């Protein structure tokens, strides 16, 4: 906590040096905690080595790095650097650890003790977005017991500088608008979140939150202005009718919804750590606003906010430091899901910049090279088709073809013998027709052109002769 400058005025000159020292330590501490880190994901088959990656992290002037496991090669590469490190217990170990202190002890012994303190491990996160997965809800209730056991294990080994937490997505809230109405989901509030807040409060840890203004904006670009999502708004503000707080950007609204949610459960003061935030630099044809211009604009602006001195905070917590990790170090070509998932990187897999970025926040905007103008800030107005991706595994394509044809109404009739799209009798053309047909039927109810990475979108009509491929129109 910063000491008020006015406090020392009546204490006599003998205390001035002590006061000055206290202020310097306090201010220094605040500056360190405001340094920006980066998320180092590894879901790519073409990424640089850990040692090269550490050099690239340094080149971005990142002072912290978060990894999604406890990869020993990465932890070795970070040895004797000044980079603070966050490691992670895999989701699949949470339930076992929650019931077994010995297993927790073994995990810490294997994954922390060999590297600490030469590698500056400072944060140990238990799982990743556990509360967003409905496939195994039992893990929800095992989460806090696992966090407690990991913390106990650290104590057993005499390690007291490592904070324990878990990253959560915004969907832990059932209400986030207006921010003052921030409320945790009823299925987790009492049984999971309240015990977690109690743990975080007792251990002086953080609520680690993943915040992506891109997603609410892209789902409602008519009512949410792009400039408001990019920290570029000059005229758009939002007045919370209950709290009376005024917002100038979407990020602050999202973070403050969590603040009010915690306050509603009786924990108004737990610090927030931005575990992930970023903006996609590319994506699929049916995705809006994912481009280099917007990604650079968002990340540069959010870094400017994080590194501001004195700290800016948010309307609900003005002047408070928000420690952070930007997502992500690389564009990762094996991340599942929509195209944006593979395009959040600050760097390409060859180590080159997707766009210039300085995570210290010290580079003036005027020193960056001009950015390419955005071309997809509005929905694509033409037709889009779904085709087999280049290099897709043949046996996997055959399985996906069978799946697509088993869904819907007459999805694959034209590629049956004597059908108008049967020839050429090739797996590529038959599967591409099936993928397009499936997507055209099911996009409105969540169907995608992905098929576990086997498919890709195209705006070039693949139809030929009397064979007309079904396409998707966004508008």
Protein backbone atom coordinates (compact mmCIF):
# COMPACT_ATOMS: atom_id res chain seq x y z
CA UNK A 1 0.00 0.00 0.00
CA UNK A 2 1.36 3.43 -0.90
CA UNK A 3 1.97 5.75 2.03
CA UNK A 4 0.44 9.20 1.77
CA UNK A 5 2.97 11.97 1.19
CA UNK A 6 1.14 14.06 3.77
CA UNK A 7 1.67 11.51 6.54
CA UNK A 8 5.26 12.50 7.30
CA UNK A 9 4.82 16.25 7.42
CA UNK A 10 4.21 16.42 11.15
CA UNK A 11 6.66 13.73 12.21
CA UNK A 12 9.82 15.79 12.22
CA UNK A 13 12.79 15.84 9.89
CA UNK A 14 14.34 12.79 11.56
CA UNK A 15 11.70 10.56 9.94
CA UNK A 16 11.99 12.02 6.45
CA UNK A 17 14.68 9.56 5.20
CA UNK A 18 12.62 6.63 6.50
CA UNK A 19 9.49 7.99 4.85
CA UNK A 20 11.35 8.51 1.57
CA UNK A 21 12.65 4.95 1.71
CA UNK A 22 9.15 3.63 2.38
CA UNK A 23 7.80 5.55 -0.56
CA UNK A 24 10.53 4.31 -2.87
CA UNK A 25 9.95 0.71 -1.84
CA UNK A 26 6.19 1.13 -2.21
CA UNK A 27 6.41 2.80 -5.60
CA UNK A 28 9.00 0.29 -6.80
CA UNK A 29 6.74 -2.55 -5.70
CA UNK A 30 3.80 -1.05 -7.57
CA UNK A 31 5.89 -0.71 -10.74
CA UNK A 32 7.05 -4.32 -10.55
CA UNK A 33 3.52 -5.61 -10.06
CA UNK A 34 2.36 -3.64 -13.10
CA UNK A 35 4.84 -5.30 -15.45
CA UNK A 36 3.11 -7.20 -18.26
CA UNK A 37 3.65 -10.88 -18.98
CA UNK A 38 2.81 -13.20 -21.85
CA UNK A 39 1.07 -16.57 -22.15
CA UNK A 40 3.35 -19.18 -23.70
CA UNK A 41 1.10 -21.85 -25.23
CA UNK A 42 2.58 -24.88 -26.93
CA UNK A 43 -0.23 -26.14 -29.17
CA UNK A 44 1.77 -26.00 -32.37
CA UNK A 45 3.96 -28.43 -34.31
CA UNK A 46 6.23 -25.70 -35.68
CA UNK A 47 7.17 -23.63 -32.62
CA UNK A 48 10.70 -22.55 -31.61
CA UNK A 49 12.60 -24.38 -28.89
CA UNK A 50 12.15 -23.36 -25.25
CA UNK A 51 15.56 -21.64 -25.16
CA UNK A 52 14.79 -19.67 -28.33
CA UNK A 53 11.33 -18.87 -26.95
CA UNK A 54 12.82 -17.39 -23.79
CA UNK A 55 14.99 -15.09 -25.93
CA UNK A 56 11.89 -14.03 -27.86
CA UNK A 57 10.01 -13.39 -24.61
CA UNK A 58 12.86 -11.12 -23.54
CA UNK A 59 12.74 -9.32 -26.91
CA UNK A 60 9.09 -8.47 -26.24
CA UNK A 61 10.22 -7.00 -22.87
CA UNK A 62 7.89 -9.34 -20.98
CA UNK A 63 8.69 -9.60 -17.29
CA UNK A 64 6.42 -12.57 -16.62
CA UNK A 65 5.45 -15.72 -18.48
CA UNK A 66 2.63 -18.16 -17.94
CA UNK A 67 2.80 -21.73 -19.21
CA UNK A 68 -0.04 -24.25 -19.26
CA UNK A 69 1.87 -27.08 -17.62
CA UNK A 70 5.21 -27.45 -15.83
CA UNK A 71 7.31 -28.27 -18.89
CA UNK A 72 10.82 -28.99 -17.52
CA UNK A 73 12.60 -27.81 -20.66
CA UNK A 74 10.85 -24.44 -20.47
CA UNK A 75 11.52 -24.12 -16.74
CA UNK A 76 15.21 -24.92 -17.34
CA UNK A 77 15.37 -22.32 -20.11
CA UNK A 78 13.95 -19.72 -17.69
CA UNK A 79 16.59 -20.47 -15.05
CA UNK A 80 18.59 -17.45 -13.85
CA UNK A 81 16.50 -14.96 -15.81
CA UNK A 82 14.58 -12.09 -14.22
CA UNK A 83 11.30 -13.42 -15.65
CA UNK A 84 8.63 -14.38 -13.13
CA UNK A 85 6.93 -17.66 -14.01
CA UNK A 86 3.43 -19.09 -13.61
CA UNK A 87 3.02 -22.87 -13.97
CA UNK A 88 -0.10 -25.02 -14.05
CA UNK A 89 -1.46 -28.28 -12.67
CA UNK A 90 -3.22 -30.11 -15.56
CA UNK A 91 -7.03 -30.27 -15.41
CA UNK A 92 -7.03 -34.06 -15.42
CA UNK A 93 -5.06 -34.27 -12.14
CA UNK A 94 -7.32 -32.01 -10.10
CA UNK A 95 -9.74 -34.63 -8.77
CA UNK A 96 -6.99 -37.05 -7.73
CA UNK A 97 -4.97 -34.31 -6.03
CA UNK A 98 -8.06 -32.99 -4.23
CA UNK A 99 -8.40 -36.34 -2.39
CA UNK A 100 -4.72 -37.14 -1.89
CA UNK A 101 -2.21 -34.90 -0.11
CA UNK A 102 0.61 -37.32 -0.97
CA UNK A 103 -0.12 -36.89 -4.68
CA UNK A 104 -0.07 -33.11 -4.27
CA UNK A 105 3.26 -33.38 -2.44
CA UNK A 106 4.69 -35.54 -5.23
CA UNK A 107 3.53 -33.10 -7.90
CA UNK A 108 5.23 -30.17 -6.15
CA UNK A 109 8.35 -32.28 -5.50
CA UNK A 110 8.60 -33.20 -9.21
CA UNK A 111 7.52 -29.95 -10.84
CA UNK A 112 8.49 -27.12 -8.52
CA UNK A 113 11.30 -28.16 -6.17
CA UNK A 114 13.89 -29.06 -8.88
CA UNK A 115 13.60 -25.59 -10.45
CA UNK A 116 12.87 -23.27 -7.54
CA UNK A 117 14.25 -20.69 -6.75
CA UNK A 118 16.69 -20.51 -9.72
CA UNK A 119 13.63 -20.32 -11.95
CA UNK A 120 11.45 -17.57 -10.50
CA UNK A 121 8.23 -19.56 -10.13
CA UNK A 122 5.82 -17.17 -8.42
CA UNK A 123 2.35 -18.46 -9.37
CA UNK A 124 0.94 -21.97 -9.43
CA UNK A 125 -2.43 -22.26 -11.13
CA UNK A 126 -4.60 -25.30 -10.53
CA UNK A 127 -6.27 -26.19 -13.82
CA UNK A 128 -7.41 -23.87 -16.58
CA UNK A 129 -10.99 -22.55 -16.91
CA UNK A 130 -12.30 -25.59 -15.03
CA UNK A 131 -15.61 -23.88 -14.26
CA UNK A 132 -16.36 -23.41 -17.96
CA UNK A 133 -16.46 -27.16 -18.64
CA UNK A 134 -19.72 -29.04 -18.09
CA UNK A 135 -18.36 -32.43 -19.15
CA UNK A 136 -17.24 -33.29 -15.61
CA UNK A 137 -18.91 -31.08 -13.02
CA UNK A 138 -17.44 -33.12 -10.16
CA UNK A 139 -14.11 -31.45 -10.92
CA UNK A 140 -15.75 -28.13 -10.00
CA UNK A 141 -16.19 -29.31 -6.43
CA UNK A 142 -12.70 -30.80 -6.31
CA UNK A 143 -11.05 -27.56 -7.43
CA UNK A 144 -10.73 -25.69 -4.12
CA UNK A 145 -9.69 -28.80 -2.13
CA UNK A 146 -6.95 -29.34 -4.76
CA UNK A 147 -5.83 -25.71 -4.41
CA UNK A 148 -5.61 -26.14 -0.63
CA UNK A 149 -3.54 -29.32 -0.94
CA UNK A 150 -1.13 -27.74 -3.43
CA UNK A 151 -0.68 -24.77 -1.06
CA UNK A 152 -0.04 -27.18 1.81
CA UNK A 153 2.57 -28.98 -0.29
CA UNK A 154 4.40 -25.73 -0.99
CA UNK A 155 4.50 -25.00 2.74
CA UNK A 156 5.83 -28.49 3.47
CA UNK A 157 8.74 -27.76 1.14
CA UNK A 158 9.34 -24.36 2.72
CA UNK A 159 8.15 -22.46 -0.37
CA UNK A 160 6.19 -19.38 0.66
CA UNK A 161 6.63 -17.00 -2.27
CA UNK A 162 4.36 -18.88 -4.70
CA UNK A 163 0.72 -17.79 -4.91
CA UNK A 164 -1.88 -20.47 -5.72
CA UNK A 165 -4.92 -19.70 -7.86
CA UNK A 166 -6.96 -20.88 -10.84
CA UNK A 167 -7.89 -19.05 -14.06
CA UNK A 168 -11.58 -18.45 -14.76
CA UNK A 169 -13.37 -17.22 -17.87
CA UNK A 170 -16.09 -14.57 -17.79
CA UNK A 171 -18.74 -17.29 -17.96
CA UNK A 172 -18.36 -17.88 -14.21
CA UNK A 173 -20.75 -14.92 -14.03
CA UNK A 174 -24.42 -15.44 -14.87
CA UNK A 175 -24.88 -11.67 -15.06
CA UNK A 176 -22.29 -9.07 -16.01
CA UNK A 177 -24.38 -6.16 -17.27
CA UNK A 178 -24.52 -3.59 -15.95
CA UNK A 179 -21.24 -4.22 -14.10
CA UNK A 180 -22.92 -3.47 -10.76
CA UNK A 181 -25.16 -6.48 -11.40
CA UNK A 182 -22.17 -8.85 -11.62
CA UNK A 183 -23.34 -12.16 -10.14
CA UNK A 184 -21.68 -15.58 -10.05
CA UNK A 185 -23.56 -18.52 -11.56
CA UNK A 186 -25.96 -20.15 -9.14
CA UNK A 187 -24.52 -23.63 -9.84
CA UNK A 188 -21.08 -22.64 -8.51
CA UNK A 189 -21.54 -19.55 -6.31
CA UNK A 190 -22.07 -21.26 -2.94
CA UNK A 191 -20.25 -24.57 -3.43
CA UNK A 192 -17.20 -23.43 -5.38
CA UNK A 193 -16.72 -19.68 -5.67
CA UNK A 194 -17.32 -18.72 -2.03
CA UNK A 195 -14.83 -21.30 -0.68
CA UNK A 196 -12.39 -20.21 -3.40
CA UNK A 197 -12.70 -16.55 -2.42
CA UNK A 198 -12.16 -17.55 1.20
CA UNK A 199 -8.96 -19.38 0.18
CA UNK A 200 -7.70 -16.51 -1.99
CA UNK A 201 -8.42 -14.02 0.77
CA UNK A 202 -6.68 -16.10 3.45
CA UNK A 203 -3.57 -16.73 1.30
CA UNK A 204 -3.48 -13.18 -0.12
CA UNK A 205 -3.65 -14.56 -3.65
CA UNK A 206 -5.46 -13.28 -6.74
CA UNK A 207 -8.63 -14.04 -8.67
CA UNK A 208 -7.14 -14.94 -12.06
CA UNK A 209 -9.52 -13.83 -14.82
CA UNK A 210 -9.50 -14.32 -18.61
CA UNK A 211 -10.94 -11.19 -20.23
CA UNK A 212 -11.58 -10.95 -23.98
CA UNK A 213 -13.62 -7.93 -25.13
CA UNK A 214 -13.34 -9.35 -28.67
CA UNK A 215 -15.97 -12.01 -27.99
CA UNK A 216 -18.86 -9.87 -26.68
CA UNK A 217 -18.10 -7.27 -29.35
CA UNK A 218 -17.99 -9.79 -32.21
CA UNK A 219 -21.28 -11.35 -31.08
CA UNK A 220 -23.02 -7.95 -31.03
CA UNK A 221 -21.08 -5.46 -33.19
CA UNK A 222 -24.18 -3.36 -33.83
CA UNK A 223 -24.81 -2.41 -30.20
CA UNK A 224 -21.19 -2.53 -28.98
CA UNK A 225 -18.97 -0.11 -30.84
CA UNK A 226 -15.61 -1.42 -32.04
CA UNK A 227 -13.76 1.64 -30.74
CA UNK A 228 -15.23 1.00 -27.28
CA UNK A 229 -13.82 -2.54 -27.35
CA UNK A 230 -10.39 -1.38 -28.59
CA UNK A 231 -9.86 1.40 -25.97
CA UNK A 232 -10.14 3.88 -28.86
CA UNK A 233 -13.47 5.47 -27.97
CA UNK A 234 -13.50 9.26 -27.86
CA UNK A 235 -17.22 9.85 -27.40
CA UNK A 236 -18.81 6.56 -26.30
CA UNK A 237 -19.30 6.10 -22.57
CA UNK A 238 -21.57 3.92 -20.47
CA UNK A 239 -23.09 5.06 -17.16
CA UNK A 240 -23.91 2.22 -14.78
CA UNK A 241 -27.37 3.22 -13.50
CA UNK A 242 -26.88 1.53 -10.11
CA UNK A 243 -23.27 2.32 -9.18
CA UNK A 244 -23.15 5.66 -10.97
CA UNK A 245 -19.75 4.71 -12.42
CA UNK A 246 -18.88 5.83 -15.95
CA UNK A 247 -17.12 3.43 -18.34
CA UNK A 248 -15.04 4.38 -21.38
CA UNK A 249 -14.17 0.87 -22.56
CA UNK A 250 -15.55 -2.67 -22.57
CA UNK A 251 -12.58 -4.20 -20.71
CA UNK A 252 -13.27 -2.17 -17.56
CA UNK A 253 -16.94 -3.15 -17.66
CA UNK A 254 -16.05 -6.84 -17.76
CA UNK A 255 -13.47 -6.65 -14.97
CA UNK A 256 -15.74 -4.61 -12.71
CA UNK A 257 -18.56 -7.13 -13.16
CA UNK A 258 -16.26 -9.61 -11.40
CA UNK A 259 -15.43 -7.06 -8.70
CA UNK A 260 -19.13 -6.56 -7.95
CA UNK A 261 -19.72 -10.33 -8.09
CA UNK A 262 -17.05 -10.90 -5.43
CA UNK A 263 -18.44 -8.07 -3.34
CA UNK A 264 -21.88 -9.67 -3.52
CA UNK A 265 -20.41 -12.80 -1.90
CA UNK A 266 -18.73 -10.82 0.85
CA UNK A 267 -15.21 -10.46 -0.58
CA UNK A 268 -14.88 -6.91 -1.95
CA UNK A 269 -11.08 -6.62 -1.75
CA UNK A 270 -9.58 -9.71 -3.42
CA UNK A 271 -7.07 -8.60 -6.03
CA UNK A 272 -7.70 -9.43 -9.69
CA UNK A 273 -5.01 -10.74 -12.04
CA UNK A 274 -5.70 -10.66 -15.78
CA UNK A 275 -4.62 -14.21 -16.63
CA UNK A 276 -5.40 -13.81 -20.34
CA UNK A 277 -6.41 -10.97 -22.58
CA UNK A 278 -5.78 -10.28 -26.25
CA UNK A 279 -7.33 -9.86 -29.68
CA UNK A 280 -7.11 -12.22 -32.68
CA UNK A 281 -4.95 -11.14 -35.62
CA UNK A 282 -6.75 -13.44 -38.07
CA UNK A 283 -9.54 -15.96 -38.38
CA UNK A 284 -12.14 -17.50 -40.66
CA UNK A 285 -14.22 -15.72 -43.29
CA UNK A 286 -17.29 -15.91 -41.06
CA UNK A 287 -15.52 -14.12 -38.21
CA UNK A 288 -15.55 -10.36 -37.85
CA UNK A 289 -12.87 -7.92 -36.77
CA UNK A 290 -10.04 -10.43 -36.44
CA UNK A 291 -7.14 -8.66 -38.09
CA UNK A 292 -3.65 -7.33 -37.41
CA UNK A 293 -4.78 -3.71 -37.10
CA UNK A 294 -7.32 -4.43 -34.36
CA UNK A 295 -5.04 -6.89 -32.55
CA UNK A 296 -2.15 -4.43 -32.42
CA UNK A 297 -4.45 -1.57 -31.41
CA UNK A 298 -6.06 -3.54 -28.59
CA UNK A 299 -2.86 -5.02 -27.19
CA UNK A 300 -0.91 -1.78 -27.34
CA UNK A 301 -3.73 0.09 -25.62
CA UNK A 302 -4.29 -2.52 -22.92
CA UNK A 303 -0.54 -2.65 -22.21
CA UNK A 304 -0.55 1.15 -21.94
CA UNK A 305 -3.31 0.80 -19.36
CA UNK A 306 -1.54 -1.96 -17.40
CA UNK A 307 1.80 -0.12 -17.29
CA UNK A 308 0.46 3.35 -16.53
CA UNK A 309 2.24 5.09 -13.65
CA UNK A 310 0.45 5.93 -11.45
CA UNK A 311 -1.85 2.95 -12.02
CA UNK A 312 -5.24 3.63 -13.63
CA UNK A 313 -7.23 0.67 -12.31
CA UNK A 314 -10.93 0.47 -13.21
CA UNK A 315 -13.92 2.65 -12.25
CA UNK A 316 -14.78 0.32 -9.34
CA UNK A 317 -11.13 0.14 -8.24
CA UNK A 318 -9.42 3.33 -9.37
CA UNK A 319 -5.67 3.48 -8.93
CA UNK A 320 -5.26 -0.27 -8.43
CA UNK A 321 -2.59 -2.21 -10.32
CA UNK A 322 -3.87 -4.94 -12.64
CA UNK A 323 -1.11 -7.54 -13.11
CA UNK A 324 -1.50 -9.29 -16.44
CA UNK A 325 -0.51 -11.82 -19.07
CA UNK A 326 -1.18 -11.04 -22.75
CA UNK A 327 -2.45 -13.94 -24.83
CA UNK A 328 -0.38 -15.20 -26.56
CA UNK A 329 3.27 -15.58 -27.46
CA UNK A 330 2.68 -17.49 -30.72
CA UNK A 331 0.04 -18.20 -33.33
CA UNK A 332 -0.51 -21.88 -32.48
CA UNK A 333 -1.54 -24.00 -35.46
CA UNK A 334 -2.89 -26.96 -33.46
CA UNK A 335 -5.34 -25.10 -31.26
CA UNK A 336 -8.84 -26.48 -31.83
CA UNK A 337 -11.91 -24.44 -32.67
CA UNK A 338 -12.61 -21.43 -34.88
CA UNK A 339 -9.82 -19.81 -36.88
CA UNK A 340 -9.37 -17.02 -34.33
CA UNK A 341 -8.12 -19.60 -31.80
CA UNK A 342 -4.98 -20.10 -33.91
CA UNK A 343 -4.36 -16.37 -34.40
CA UNK A 344 -3.81 -14.69 -31.03
CA UNK A 345 -0.02 -14.63 -31.20
CA UNK A 346 2.28 -11.66 -30.94
CA UNK A 347 4.75 -13.77 -32.92
CA UNK A 348 4.61 -16.12 -35.87
CA UNK A 349 6.00 -19.64 -35.32
CA UNK A 350 9.26 -18.61 -37.04
CA UNK A 351 9.77 -15.98 -34.32
CA UNK A 352 8.95 -12.98 -36.51
CA UNK A 353 6.55 -10.30 -35.26
CA UNK A 354 2.93 -10.52 -36.36
CA UNK A 355 3.07 -6.81 -35.54
CA UNK A 356 5.50 -4.75 -33.47
CA UNK A 357 4.86 -5.02 -29.73
CA UNK A 358 6.60 -3.77 -26.60
CA UNK A 359 5.14 -5.25 -23.43
CA UNK A 360 6.96 -2.71 -21.27
CA UNK A 361 4.65 -0.04 -22.71
CA UNK A 362 7.63 2.26 -23.26
CA UNK A 363 7.64 2.46 -27.07
CA UNK A 364 5.66 5.52 -28.28
CA UNK A 365 2.96 4.82 -30.85
CA UNK A 366 4.79 7.08 -33.30
CA UNK A 367 7.75 4.68 -33.40
CA UNK A 368 5.73 1.71 -34.64
CA UNK A 369 5.47 1.03 -38.37
CA UNK A 370 2.06 1.67 -40.01
CA UNK A 371 -0.39 -1.22 -39.66
CA UNK A 372 -2.28 -2.85 -42.55
CA UNK A 373 -5.80 -1.46 -42.78
CA UNK A 374 -8.54 -3.81 -41.52
CA UNK A 375 -10.68 -5.49 -44.16
CA UNK A 376 -13.10 -7.54 -42.04
CA UNK A 377 -14.55 -5.12 -39.49
CA UNK A 378 -17.95 -5.87 -41.01
CA UNK A 379 -19.48 -9.27 -41.73
CA UNK A 380 -18.52 -10.82 -45.07
CA UNK A 381 -21.39 -10.25 -47.48
CA UNK A 382 -20.83 -13.07 -49.98
CA UNK A 383 -21.18 -16.85 -49.78
CA UNK A 384 -18.72 -19.09 -47.95
CA UNK A 385 -18.09 -22.81 -48.50
CA UNK A 386 -16.42 -25.48 -46.40
CA UNK A 387 -13.72 -27.63 -48.00
CA UNK A 388 -11.27 -30.35 -46.95
CA UNK A 389 -8.11 -28.66 -45.66
CA UNK A 390 -4.80 -29.11 -47.40
CA UNK A 391 -2.81 -32.02 -45.94
CA UNK A 392 -5.77 -33.48 -44.02
CA UNK A 393 -5.35 -37.10 -42.90
CA UNK A 394 -7.20 -39.41 -45.33
CA UNK A 395 -8.62 -41.85 -42.77
CA UNK A 396 -9.78 -38.99 -40.54
CA UNK A 397 -11.45 -37.32 -43.53
CA UNK A 398 -13.27 -40.57 -44.27
CA UNK A 399 -14.60 -40.66 -40.69
CA UNK A 400 -15.64 -37.01 -40.86
CA UNK A 401 -17.39 -37.66 -44.18
CA UNK A 402 -19.38 -40.49 -42.59
CA UNK A 403 -20.29 -38.26 -39.66
CA UNK A 404 -21.42 -35.35 -41.85
CA UNK A 405 -23.53 -37.63 -44.02
CA UNK A 406 -25.22 -39.18 -40.97
CA UNK A 407 -26.52 -35.80 -39.86
CA UNK A 408 -29.44 -33.76 -41.12
CA UNK A 409 -31.80 -34.19 -44.02
CA UNK A 410 -30.41 -35.53 -47.31
CA UNK A 411 -27.03 -33.98 -46.50
CA UNK A 412 -25.11 -36.23 -48.88
CA UNK A 413 -27.69 -37.39 -51.45
CA UNK A 414 -25.94 -35.62 -54.38
CA UNK A 415 -22.67 -37.54 -53.79
CA UNK A 416 -24.32 -40.96 -53.86
CA UNK A 417 -23.90 -43.08 -57.06
CA UNK A 418 -25.80 -41.44 -59.93
CA UNK A 419 -26.06 -38.22 -57.90
CA UNK A 420 -25.19 -34.97 -59.65
CA UNK A 421 -22.03 -34.54 -57.52
CA UNK A 422 -20.89 -38.18 -57.46
CA UNK A 423 -18.22 -37.57 -60.09
CA UNK A 424 -15.37 -37.10 -59.74
CA UNK A 425 -15.44 -40.11 -57.40
CA UNK A 426 -12.83 -38.68 -55.03
CA UNK A 427 -12.63 -38.45 -51.25
CA UNK A 428 -11.63 -34.78 -51.45
CA UNK A 429 -14.65 -33.72 -53.49
CA UNK A 430 -17.16 -35.95 -51.71
CA UNK A 431 -16.00 -34.87 -48.26
CA UNK A 432 -15.87 -31.21 -49.30
CA UNK A 433 -19.47 -31.42 -50.52
CA UNK A 434 -20.51 -33.16 -47.29
CA UNK A 435 -18.73 -30.56 -45.14
CA UNK A 436 -20.36 -27.67 -47.02
CA UNK A 437 -23.77 -29.30 -46.93
CA UNK A 438 -23.51 -30.04 -43.20
CA UNK A 439 -22.35 -26.50 -42.40
CA UNK A 440 -25.11 -24.90 -44.48
CA UNK A 441 -27.73 -26.92 -42.58
CA UNK A 442 -26.36 -26.59 -39.07
CA UNK A 443 -24.51 -23.26 -38.80
CA UNK A 444 -27.51 -21.54 -37.24
CA UNK A 445 -27.56 -24.06 -34.40
CA UNK A 446 -23.82 -24.07 -33.76
CA UNK A 447 -22.45 -26.27 -36.55
CA UNK A 448 -19.00 -25.25 -37.73
CA UNK A 449 -16.63 -25.69 -40.64
CA UNK A 450 -13.88 -27.25 -38.55
CA UNK A 451 -14.22 -31.05 -38.30
CA UNK A 452 -11.28 -31.34 -35.90
CA UNK A 453 -9.00 -29.32 -38.16
CA UNK A 454 -9.84 -31.24 -41.34
CA UNK A 455 -11.84 -28.44 -42.96
CA UNK A 456 -11.22 -24.87 -44.06
CA UNK A 457 -13.43 -22.07 -45.33
CA UNK A 458 -13.25 -20.67 -48.85
CA UNK A 459 -14.98 -17.82 -50.68
CA UNK A 460 -14.24 -19.42 -54.06
CA UNK A 461 -17.29 -21.34 -55.25
CA UNK A 462 -16.28 -25.01 -55.66
CA UNK A 463 -19.42 -25.86 -57.69
CA UNK A 464 -18.93 -27.39 -61.13
CA UNK A 465 -21.30 -28.24 -63.94
CA UNK A 466 -24.64 -29.33 -62.50
CA UNK A 467 -23.08 -29.92 -59.07
CA UNK A 468 -23.91 -26.96 -56.86
CA UNK A 469 -22.26 -26.86 -53.43
CA UNK A 470 -24.43 -25.49 -50.60
CA UNK A 471 -22.89 -22.36 -49.11
CA UNK A 472 -23.37 -20.17 -46.08
CA UNK A 473 -24.46 -16.54 -46.16
CA UNK A 474 -23.83 -14.44 -43.07
CA UNK A 475 -26.17 -11.54 -43.82
